[in-house]
Amino acid sequence: MSLDPSDPHDLRPTEEAAIETAHLAVDGLTEKDSVQKAVDVLKQVDGVQDVHGEKGGGVISVTFDARKTHVPALHDALLRSGYTPASTAAD
């Protein structure tokens, strides 16, 4: 039987990254400094490759390796830094 590496039940180790992008709605991104602080916090999470956000936008886009982290860990990092994940992005 041949196993497919894309099969989630295939437990063979692989070095290939599983890249995903999440758009996180975040309360309190009103100033450039607040955006930069949130970006810096998210960049510290293992597996995060890229982070973008704009003041007043209320959303931070995070590109990460899903084999190393996941969205709840990103939310946890924001919470520890004093930010609150929002349910929706500000208009």
C-alpha atoms as a PDB file:
ATOM      1  CA  MET A   1       0.000   0.000   0.000  1.00  0.00           C
ATOM      2  CA  SER A   2       1.353   3.405  -0.985  1.00  0.00           C
ATOM      3  CA  LEU A   3       0.651   6.305   1.379  1.00  0.00           C
ATOM      4  CA  ASP A   4      -0.134   9.784   0.100  1.00  0.00           C
ATOM      5  CA  PRO A   5       1.893  12.539   1.881  1.00  0.00           C
ATOM      6  CA  SER A   6      -1.076  14.922   1.621  1.00  0.00           C
ATOM      7  CA  ASP A   7      -3.221  12.459   3.599  1.00  0.00           C
ATOM      8  CA  PRO A   8      -3.610  13.826   7.175  1.00  0.00           C
ATOM      9  CA  HIS A   9      -3.446  10.239   8.460  1.00  0.00           C
ATOM     10  CA  ASP A  10      -0.025   9.717   6.871  1.00  0.00           C
ATOM     11  CA  LEU A  11       2.276  10.208   9.847  1.00  0.00           C
ATOM     12  CA  ARG A  12       5.547  10.001   7.932  1.00  0.00           C
ATOM     13  CA  PRO A  13       7.764  12.997   8.703  1.00  0.00           C
ATOM     14  CA  THR A  14       8.120  15.614   6.014  1.00  0.00           C
ATOM     15  CA  GLU A  15      10.142  18.780   5.686  1.00  0.00           C
ATOM     16  CA  GLU A  16       7.610  20.345   3.327  1.00  0.00           C
ATOM     17  CA  ALA A  17       5.841  23.353   4.840  1.00  0.00           C
ATOM     18  CA  ALA A  18       2.051  23.601   4.817  1.00  0.00           C
ATOM     19  CA  ILE A  19       1.662  27.344   4.196  1.00  0.00           C
ATOM     20  CA  GLU A  20      -1.595  29.034   5.173  1.00  0.00           C
ATOM     21  CA  THR A  21      -2.702  32.641   5.565  1.00  0.00           C
ATOM     22  CA  ALA A  22      -5.092  33.776   8.282  1.00  0.00           C
ATOM     23  CA  HIS A  23      -6.748  37.187   8.485  1.00  0.00           C
ATOM     24  CA  LEU A  24      -7.157  38.030  12.159  1.00  0.00           C
ATOM     25  CA  ALA A  25      -9.578  40.735  13.257  1.00  0.00           C
ATOM     26  CA  VAL A  26      -7.981  42.598  16.175  1.00  0.00           C
ATOM     27  CA  ASP A  27      -9.374  45.305  18.451  1.00  0.00           C
ATOM     28  CA  GLY A  28      -7.187  48.340  19.189  1.00  0.00           C
ATOM     29  CA  LEU A  29      -5.188  48.737  15.971  1.00  0.00           C
ATOM     30  CA  THR A  30      -5.685  52.487  15.806  1.00  0.00           C
ATOM     31  CA  GLU A  31      -2.099  53.747  15.796  1.00  0.00           C
ATOM     32  CA  LYS A  32       0.970  52.734  13.815  1.00  0.00           C
ATOM     33  CA  ASP A  33       2.744  51.801  17.061  1.00  0.00           C
ATOM     34  CA  SER A  34      -0.086  49.472  18.120  1.00  0.00           C
ATOM     35  CA  VAL A  35      -0.026  47.725  14.735  1.00  0.00           C
ATOM     36  CA  GLN A  36       3.753  47.317  14.884  1.00  0.00           C
ATOM     37  CA  LYS A  37       3.565  45.874  18.417  1.00  0.00           C
ATOM     38  CA  ALA A  38       0.971  43.298  17.328  1.00  0.00           C
ATOM     39  CA  VAL A  39       3.019  42.443  14.202  1.00  0.00           C
ATOM     40  CA  ASP A  40       6.170  42.001  16.299  1.00  0.00           C
ATOM     41  CA  VAL A  41       4.346  39.689  18.724  1.00  0.00           C
ATOM     42  CA  LEU A  42       3.008  37.504  15.923  1.00  0.00           C
ATOM     43  CA  LYS A  43       6.422  37.290  14.233  1.00  0.00           C
ATOM     44  CA  GLN A  44       7.721  35.632  17.428  1.00  0.00           C
ATOM     45  CA  VAL A  45       5.365  32.653  17.025  1.00  0.00           C
ATOM     46  CA  ASP A  46       7.180  29.587  15.694  1.00  0.00           C
ATOM     47  CA  GLY A  47       6.183  28.930  12.095  1.00  0.00           C
ATOM     48  CA  VAL A  48       5.052  32.475  11.263  1.00  0.00           C
ATOM     49  CA  GLN A  49       6.614  33.591   7.998  1.00  0.00           C
ATOM     50  CA  ASP A  50       5.013  36.959   7.272  1.00  0.00           C
ATOM     51  CA  VAL A  51       2.727  39.450   9.029  1.00  0.00           C
ATOM     52  CA  HIS A  52       0.972  42.534   7.594  1.00  0.00           C
ATOM     53  CA  GLY A  53      -1.377  45.026   9.204  1.00  0.00           C
ATOM     54  CA  GLU A  54      -2.449  48.644   8.783  1.00  0.00           C
ATOM     55  CA  LYS A  55      -3.570  51.119  11.417  1.00  0.00           C
ATOM     56  CA  GLY A  56      -7.303  51.547  11.577  1.00  0.00           C
ATOM     57  CA  GLY A  57      -7.836  48.451   9.444  1.00  0.00           C
ATOM     58  CA  GLY A  58      -8.545  46.122  12.324  1.00  0.00           C
ATOM     59  CA  VAL A  59      -7.094  43.121  10.465  1.00  0.00           C
ATOM     60  CA  ILE A  60      -3.672  41.510  10.529  1.00  0.00           C
ATOM     61  CA  SER A  61      -2.765  38.973   7.849  1.00  0.00           C
ATOM     62  CA  VAL A  62      -0.460  36.198   9.020  1.00  0.00           C
ATOM     63  CA  THR A  63       1.239  33.692   6.723  1.00  0.00           C
ATOM     64  CA  PHE A  64       2.414  30.641   8.642  1.00  0.00           C
ATOM     65  CA  ASP A  65       3.446  26.999   8.414  1.00  0.00           C
ATOM     66  CA  ALA A  66       0.455  24.995   9.641  1.00  0.00           C
ATOM     67  CA  ARG A  67       2.793  22.146  10.586  1.00  0.00           C
ATOM     68  CA  LYS A  68       4.355  24.411  13.236  1.00  0.00           C
ATOM     69  CA  THR A  69       1.464  26.564  14.518  1.00  0.00           C
ATOM     70  CA  HIS A  70      -2.249  27.208  14.100  1.00  0.00           C
ATOM     71  CA  VAL A  71      -4.728  30.073  14.384  1.00  0.00           C
ATOM     72  CA  PRO A  72      -5.562  29.525  18.095  1.00  0.00           C
ATOM     73  CA  ALA A  73      -1.848  29.927  18.919  1.00  0.00           C
ATOM     74  CA  LEU A  74      -1.827  33.218  17.003  1.00  0.00           C
ATOM     75  CA  HIS A  75      -4.864  34.402  18.984  1.00  0.00           C
ATOM     76  CA  ASP A  76      -3.156  33.344  22.224  1.00  0.00           C
ATOM     77  CA  ALA A  77      -0.051  35.372  21.320  1.00  0.00           C
ATOM     78  CA  LEU A  78      -2.236  38.442  20.709  1.00  0.00           C
ATOM     79  CA  LEU A  79      -4.046  37.959  24.019  1.00  0.00           C
ATOM     80  CA  ARG A  80      -0.749  37.655  25.928  1.00  0.00           C
ATOM     81  CA  SER A  81       0.428  40.924  24.354  1.00  0.00           C
ATOM     82  CA  GLY A  82      -2.692  42.783  25.487  1.00  0.00           C
ATOM     83  CA  TYR A  83      -4.711  42.709  22.259  1.00  0.00           C
ATOM     84  CA  THR A  84      -8.161  41.233  21.875  1.00  0.00           C
ATOM     85  CA  PRO A  85      -9.066  39.239  18.787  1.00  0.00           C
ATOM     86  CA  ALA A  86     -12.260  40.782  17.407  1.00  0.00           C
ATOM     87  CA  SER A  87     -15.192  38.875  15.985  1.00  0.00           C
ATOM     88  CA  THR A  88     -15.202  41.011  12.818  1.00  0.00           C
ATOM     89  CA  ALA A  89     -12.967  43.599  11.210  1.00  0.00           C
ATOM     90  CA  ALA A  90     -13.715  47.283  11.728  1.00  0.00           C
ATOM     91  CA  ASP A  91     -15.138  49.132   8.718  1.00  0.00           C
END
